[in-house]
């Protein structure tokens, strides 16, 4: 094996997909943010985007692949439409994120990224708390045990009082921060002192993920059923990557996020509806029927 390294210089000018920036940041919630701090590939041929790396991987036998952007677009849309996901793993993004701890605990369930979080064992946790506004306090949903969408009515005195009680509850919990600082000053270890702090405190981490798994994250966390406080972070991430992989993000919206999946039972219901039937699903599952009713309404059936 030769020790000589072959250096191949680009034939055409190259551009930085982040336009020379070391950080692209969006503010989220009251004290949070999402910042894109790096991308791979960072350099692409002039006039192209990081979508080019997907095309290059898909057409590996052709080196850089086609030089016609419209052909690249067609290939990327084909790959996403037919769930050929491996080429999308050739693009990666690294984010610096500051979010409430309860959001981070939902986020970490996506186990397809590399994560390094701020350590409360080594450092004092900063004095930052997420506090929603009174008019944004949501009621528990009667149909969905995981969350709620409807807010307390601002014209109902009793409901406003309940929302204010919740805000006061948060503020009372936040007073524990002063005790946390006091106890660490007295010598209580940081790793133990932190356990009395609430989950509406902010944490930070670096989160690196390939594009394929990032799109999976966005499809779940930008969905209207996701909790609002994580949804706004996902929307910010999508905004940050859209200029870097615009063809992929558009295809993602067309074929996944803004698209609709039909089950076998739903397809049969459509056929029955066309034949004069009532369009009901052949199931006794109420939730499944409710989901189909929502799809029917969206389809205008």
Protein backbone atom coordinates (compact mmCIF):
# COMPACT_ATOMS: atom_id res chain seq x y z
CA UNK A 1 0.00 0.00 0.00
CA UNK A 2 1.35 3.40 -0.97
CA UNK A 3 1.67 6.12 1.68
CA UNK A 4 0.97 8.80 -0.91
CA UNK A 5 -2.40 10.49 -0.53
CA UNK A 6 -4.15 11.36 -3.77
CA UNK A 7 -5.72 14.81 -3.68
CA UNK A 8 -8.55 15.42 -6.12
CA UNK A 9 -9.63 19.05 -6.49
CA UNK A 10 -13.13 19.97 -7.67
CA UNK A 11 -13.57 20.81 -11.32
CA UNK A 12 -16.11 23.52 -10.55
CA UNK A 13 -16.49 26.11 -7.75
CA UNK A 14 -18.03 24.83 -4.53
CA UNK A 15 -20.34 26.52 -2.05
CA UNK A 16 -21.00 26.19 1.68
CA UNK A 17 -24.56 24.91 2.29
CA UNK A 18 -24.69 27.11 5.42
CA UNK A 19 -23.44 30.15 3.47
CA UNK A 20 -20.36 30.50 5.66
CA UNK A 21 -22.34 30.68 8.91
CA UNK A 22 -21.13 28.82 11.99
CA UNK A 23 -24.63 28.79 13.45
CA UNK A 24 -28.21 29.23 12.20
CA UNK A 25 -30.56 29.73 15.14
CA UNK A 26 -34.29 30.05 15.77
CA UNK A 27 -35.82 31.00 19.14
CA UNK A 28 -38.43 28.56 20.46
CA UNK A 29 -40.80 28.96 23.44
CA UNK A 30 -39.75 31.47 26.11
CA UNK A 31 -36.09 30.54 26.71
CA UNK A 32 -35.43 27.79 24.17
CA UNK A 33 -33.77 27.64 20.78
CA UNK A 34 -32.81 25.31 17.94
CA UNK A 35 -29.50 26.04 16.25
CA UNK A 36 -28.05 24.25 13.24
CA UNK A 37 -24.29 24.19 13.88
CA UNK A 38 -23.08 21.86 11.13
CA UNK A 39 -24.16 19.85 8.11
CA UNK A 40 -22.66 17.05 6.05
CA UNK A 41 -21.93 17.58 3.21
CA UNK A 42 -20.86 21.12 4.07
CA UNK A 43 -19.54 21.83 0.57
CA UNK A 44 -21.48 21.14 -2.64
CA UNK A 45 -20.96 22.12 -6.29
CA UNK A 46 -21.94 25.70 -7.04
CA UNK A 47 -25.61 25.95 -7.95
CA UNK A 48 -26.59 22.80 -6.03
CA UNK A 49 -27.78 21.94 -2.53
CA UNK A 50 -27.01 19.12 -0.12
CA UNK A 51 -29.67 17.13 -1.99
CA UNK A 52 -26.79 16.40 -4.37
CA UNK A 53 -25.23 13.99 -1.83
CA UNK A 54 -28.39 11.87 -1.94
CA UNK A 55 -28.24 11.67 -5.72
CA UNK A 56 -24.53 10.84 -5.59
CA UNK A 57 -25.17 7.95 -3.19
CA UNK A 58 -28.08 6.63 -5.23
CA UNK A 59 -26.07 6.78 -8.45
CA UNK A 60 -22.81 5.58 -6.96
CA UNK A 61 -21.76 3.93 -10.21
CA UNK A 62 -21.94 7.32 -11.92
CA UNK A 63 -19.74 9.19 -9.45
CA UNK A 64 -21.39 12.58 -8.98
CA UNK A 65 -24.39 11.46 -10.99
CA UNK A 66 -26.42 13.62 -13.31
CA UNK A 67 -25.68 17.32 -13.70
CA UNK A 68 -29.28 18.17 -14.48
CA UNK A 69 -31.07 19.45 -11.40
CA UNK A 70 -34.48 18.43 -12.75
CA UNK A 71 -33.25 14.84 -13.08
CA UNK A 72 -31.89 14.97 -9.53
CA UNK A 73 -35.26 16.17 -8.31
CA UNK A 74 -37.05 13.33 -10.05
CA UNK A 75 -34.71 10.74 -8.55
CA UNK A 76 -35.04 12.10 -5.01
CA UNK A 77 -38.81 12.15 -5.28
CA UNK A 78 -38.78 8.60 -6.61
CA UNK A 79 -36.56 7.41 -3.75
CA UNK A 80 -38.76 8.99 -1.09
CA UNK A 81 -41.98 7.93 -2.75
CA UNK A 82 -40.86 4.30 -2.86
CA UNK A 83 -39.18 4.35 0.57
CA UNK A 84 -35.64 3.78 -0.67
CA UNK A 85 -34.18 5.39 2.42
CA UNK A 86 -30.46 4.54 2.47
CA UNK A 87 -29.30 7.43 0.20
CA UNK A 88 -30.89 9.92 2.63
CA UNK A 89 -28.55 8.65 5.35
CA UNK A 90 -25.67 10.27 3.44
CA UNK A 91 -26.76 13.71 4.69
CA UNK A 92 -26.37 14.63 8.37
CA UNK A 93 -27.23 17.60 10.55
CA UNK A 94 -25.91 18.63 13.95
CA UNK A 95 -28.13 20.78 16.14
CA UNK A 96 -27.62 22.61 19.41
CA UNK A 97 -30.97 22.60 21.21
CA UNK A 98 -32.19 24.21 24.43
CA UNK A 99 -35.56 22.84 25.58
CA UNK A 100 -37.53 22.06 28.76
CA UNK A 101 -36.55 18.77 30.39
CA UNK A 102 -40.02 17.27 29.84
CA UNK A 103 -39.61 17.94 26.09
CA UNK A 104 -36.15 16.34 26.14
CA UNK A 105 -37.59 13.20 27.73
CA UNK A 106 -40.02 12.81 24.81
CA UNK A 107 -37.30 13.66 22.31
CA UNK A 108 -34.79 11.08 23.58
CA UNK A 109 -37.20 8.28 22.69
CA UNK A 110 -35.95 8.74 19.11
CA UNK A 111 -32.89 6.54 19.47
CA UNK A 112 -31.44 7.10 16.00
CA UNK A 113 -29.27 10.14 16.78
CA UNK A 114 -26.02 10.92 18.58
CA UNK A 115 -26.70 12.98 21.70
CA UNK A 116 -24.57 14.76 24.27
CA UNK A 117 -26.56 16.58 26.98
CA UNK A 118 -25.64 19.29 29.47
CA UNK A 119 -24.64 17.55 32.70
CA UNK A 120 -26.19 18.52 36.02
CA UNK A 121 -23.51 16.40 37.72
CA UNK A 122 -20.67 18.62 36.52
CA UNK A 123 -22.36 22.02 36.32
CA UNK A 124 -25.03 24.06 38.06
CA UNK A 125 -28.25 23.98 36.03
CA UNK A 126 -29.08 27.54 34.83
CA UNK A 127 -32.09 29.41 36.20
CA UNK A 128 -34.43 28.94 33.21
CA UNK A 129 -38.00 27.68 33.45
CA UNK A 130 -40.69 27.14 30.84
CA UNK A 131 -43.88 28.89 31.93
CA UNK A 132 -46.83 28.86 29.52
CA UNK A 133 -49.20 31.83 29.37
CA UNK A 134 -52.58 31.64 31.10
CA UNK A 135 -54.46 31.62 27.79
CA UNK A 136 -52.39 28.67 26.49
CA UNK A 137 -53.14 26.21 29.32
CA UNK A 138 -54.73 23.13 27.75
CA UNK A 139 -57.42 20.85 29.17
CA UNK A 140 -57.00 17.10 29.37
CA UNK A 141 -58.56 15.48 26.31
CA UNK A 142 -61.43 13.08 26.98
CA UNK A 143 -60.50 11.00 23.91
CA UNK A 144 -56.70 11.12 24.07
CA UNK A 145 -55.06 10.08 27.33
CA UNK A 146 -51.70 11.48 26.21
CA UNK A 147 -52.61 15.12 25.94
CA UNK A 148 -55.03 17.93 25.32
CA UNK A 149 -55.78 20.47 22.62
CA UNK A 150 -58.60 22.68 23.87
CA UNK A 151 -57.56 25.56 26.11
CA UNK A 152 -59.44 26.86 29.13
CA UNK A 153 -62.13 29.36 28.10
CA UNK A 154 -60.92 32.95 28.72
CA UNK A 155 -64.51 34.19 29.24
CA UNK A 156 -65.26 31.56 31.90
CA UNK A 157 -64.21 32.86 35.33
CA UNK A 158 -63.85 29.42 36.88
CA UNK A 159 -61.74 28.12 34.02
CA UNK A 160 -59.52 31.21 34.09
CA UNK A 161 -59.08 30.69 37.83
CA UNK A 162 -57.98 27.08 37.25
CA UNK A 163 -55.47 28.15 34.60
CA UNK A 164 -54.07 30.81 36.95
CA UNK A 165 -53.80 28.22 39.74
CA UNK A 166 -51.65 26.10 37.45
CA UNK A 167 -49.33 29.03 36.68
CA UNK A 168 -49.05 29.77 40.42
CA UNK A 169 -48.27 26.09 41.03
CA UNK A 170 -45.38 26.32 38.56
CA UNK A 171 -44.06 29.47 40.19
CA UNK A 172 -44.19 27.81 43.61
CA UNK A 173 -42.19 24.85 42.31
CA UNK A 174 -39.65 27.19 40.76
CA UNK A 175 -38.87 28.64 44.19
CA UNK A 176 -37.01 25.38 44.89
CA UNK A 177 -34.22 26.67 42.67
CA UNK A 178 -32.99 29.03 45.38
CA UNK A 179 -32.85 26.09 47.81
CA UNK A 180 -30.96 24.07 45.19
CA UNK A 181 -28.30 26.78 44.94
CA UNK A 182 -28.16 27.15 48.72
CA UNK A 183 -27.65 23.41 49.28
CA UNK A 184 -24.95 23.12 46.63
CA UNK A 185 -23.18 26.09 48.26
CA UNK A 186 -23.32 24.18 51.55
CA UNK A 187 -21.65 21.18 49.95
CA UNK A 188 -24.44 18.92 48.74
CA UNK A 189 -23.22 17.25 45.54
CA UNK A 190 -24.61 18.63 42.31
CA UNK A 191 -25.60 15.14 41.17
CA UNK A 192 -27.95 14.81 44.18
CA UNK A 193 -29.10 18.42 44.54
CA UNK A 194 -30.51 18.43 41.00
CA UNK A 195 -33.08 15.69 41.72
CA UNK A 196 -35.37 18.15 43.49
CA UNK A 197 -35.69 20.39 40.45
CA UNK A 198 -38.82 20.41 38.22
CA UNK A 199 -39.02 19.14 34.64
CA UNK A 200 -40.00 22.54 33.26
CA UNK A 201 -36.36 23.61 33.69
CA UNK A 202 -34.37 23.92 30.50
CA UNK A 203 -31.61 21.56 29.46
CA UNK A 204 -29.34 21.65 26.41
CA UNK A 205 -27.79 19.11 24.10
CA UNK A 206 -26.07 18.56 20.80
CA UNK A 207 -28.13 16.27 18.59
CA UNK A 208 -26.69 14.82 15.37
CA UNK A 209 -28.88 12.79 13.03
CA UNK A 210 -28.90 11.62 9.41
CA UNK A 211 -31.58 12.99 7.13
CA UNK A 212 -33.55 9.75 6.85
CA UNK A 213 -34.05 9.49 10.61
CA UNK A 214 -34.54 13.24 10.95
CA UNK A 215 -37.48 13.06 8.52
CA UNK A 216 -38.93 10.25 10.60
CA UNK A 217 -38.60 12.45 13.69
CA UNK A 218 -40.26 15.37 11.92
CA UNK A 219 -43.14 13.26 10.61
CA UNK A 220 -44.01 12.25 14.17
CA UNK A 221 -43.22 15.44 16.07
CA UNK A 222 -44.66 18.00 13.62
CA UNK A 223 -47.89 16.02 13.50
CA UNK A 224 -50.90 17.75 15.03
CA UNK A 225 -51.20 14.92 17.56
CA UNK A 226 -47.74 15.62 19.00
CA UNK A 227 -47.49 17.76 22.12
CA UNK A 228 -47.32 21.44 21.20
CA UNK A 229 -44.12 22.07 23.16
CA UNK A 230 -42.13 19.54 21.12
CA UNK A 231 -43.98 20.33 17.89
CA UNK A 232 -42.62 23.88 17.79
CA UNK A 233 -39.05 22.55 18.08
CA UNK A 234 -39.62 20.11 15.21
CA UNK A 235 -41.09 22.88 13.05
CA UNK A 236 -38.02 25.04 13.73
CA UNK A 237 -35.71 22.18 12.71
CA UNK A 238 -37.63 21.69 9.48
CA UNK A 239 -37.32 25.40 8.71
CA UNK A 240 -33.54 25.28 9.25
CA UNK A 241 -32.91 22.32 6.95
CA UNK A 242 -35.35 23.32 4.20
CA UNK A 243 -32.88 25.67 2.44
CA UNK A 244 -30.15 23.03 2.65
CA UNK A 245 -32.15 20.09 1.24
CA UNK A 246 -35.13 21.83 -0.40
CA UNK A 247 -35.92 19.06 -2.90
CA UNK A 248 -36.03 16.44 -0.15
CA UNK A 249 -38.16 18.54 2.19
CA UNK A 250 -40.67 19.23 -0.57
CA UNK A 251 -40.84 15.53 -1.44
CA UNK A 252 -41.23 14.72 2.28
CA UNK A 253 -44.21 17.06 2.49
CA UNK A 254 -45.75 15.72 -0.73
CA UNK A 255 -45.36 12.01 -0.03
CA UNK A 256 -45.33 11.70 3.74
CA UNK A 257 -46.15 14.62 6.01
CA UNK A 258 -49.03 16.10 4.01
CA UNK A 259 -49.98 12.74 2.47
CA UNK A 260 -52.38 10.09 3.72
CA UNK A 261 -51.91 6.39 4.40
CA UNK A 262 -54.83 4.09 3.72
CA UNK A 263 -55.22 0.73 5.41
CA UNK A 264 -56.68 -2.35 3.74
CA UNK A 265 -59.96 -1.83 5.63
CA UNK A 266 -60.14 1.78 4.47
CA UNK A 267 -59.56 0.83 0.85
CA UNK A 268 -62.36 -1.73 1.12
CA UNK A 269 -64.61 0.93 2.68
CA UNK A 270 -63.98 3.25 -0.29
CA UNK A 271 -64.86 0.46 -2.72
CA UNK A 272 -68.03 -0.25 -0.74
CA UNK A 273 -68.89 3.45 -0.72
CA UNK A 274 -68.59 3.61 -4.51
CA UNK A 275 -70.90 0.60 -4.73
CA UNK A 276 -73.56 2.40 -2.66
CA UNK A 277 -72.53 1.28 0.82
CA UNK A 278 -72.25 3.43 3.95
CA UNK A 279 -68.45 3.57 3.86
CA UNK A 280 -68.03 2.25 7.40
CA UNK A 281 -65.04 0.13 8.33
CA UNK A 282 -65.47 -3.59 8.88
CA UNK A 283 -64.34 -3.26 12.50
CA UNK A 284 -65.74 -2.58 15.96
CA UNK A 285 -62.71 -0.50 16.95
CA UNK A 286 -64.10 2.97 17.73
CA UNK A 287 -60.77 4.76 17.50
CA UNK A 288 -59.98 3.21 14.13
CA UNK A 289 -63.43 4.21 12.88
CA UNK A 290 -62.93 7.77 14.16
CA UNK A 291 -59.58 7.98 12.34
CA UNK A 292 -61.25 6.80 9.14
CA UNK A 293 -64.04 9.37 9.56
CA UNK A 294 -61.36 12.09 9.76
CA UNK A 295 -59.70 10.79 6.59
CA UNK A 296 -63.03 10.65 4.78
CA UNK A 297 -63.71 14.26 5.70
CA UNK A 298 -60.29 15.29 4.41
CA UNK A 299 -60.90 13.38 1.17
CA UNK A 300 -64.39 14.83 0.78
CA UNK A 301 -66.03 11.39 0.77
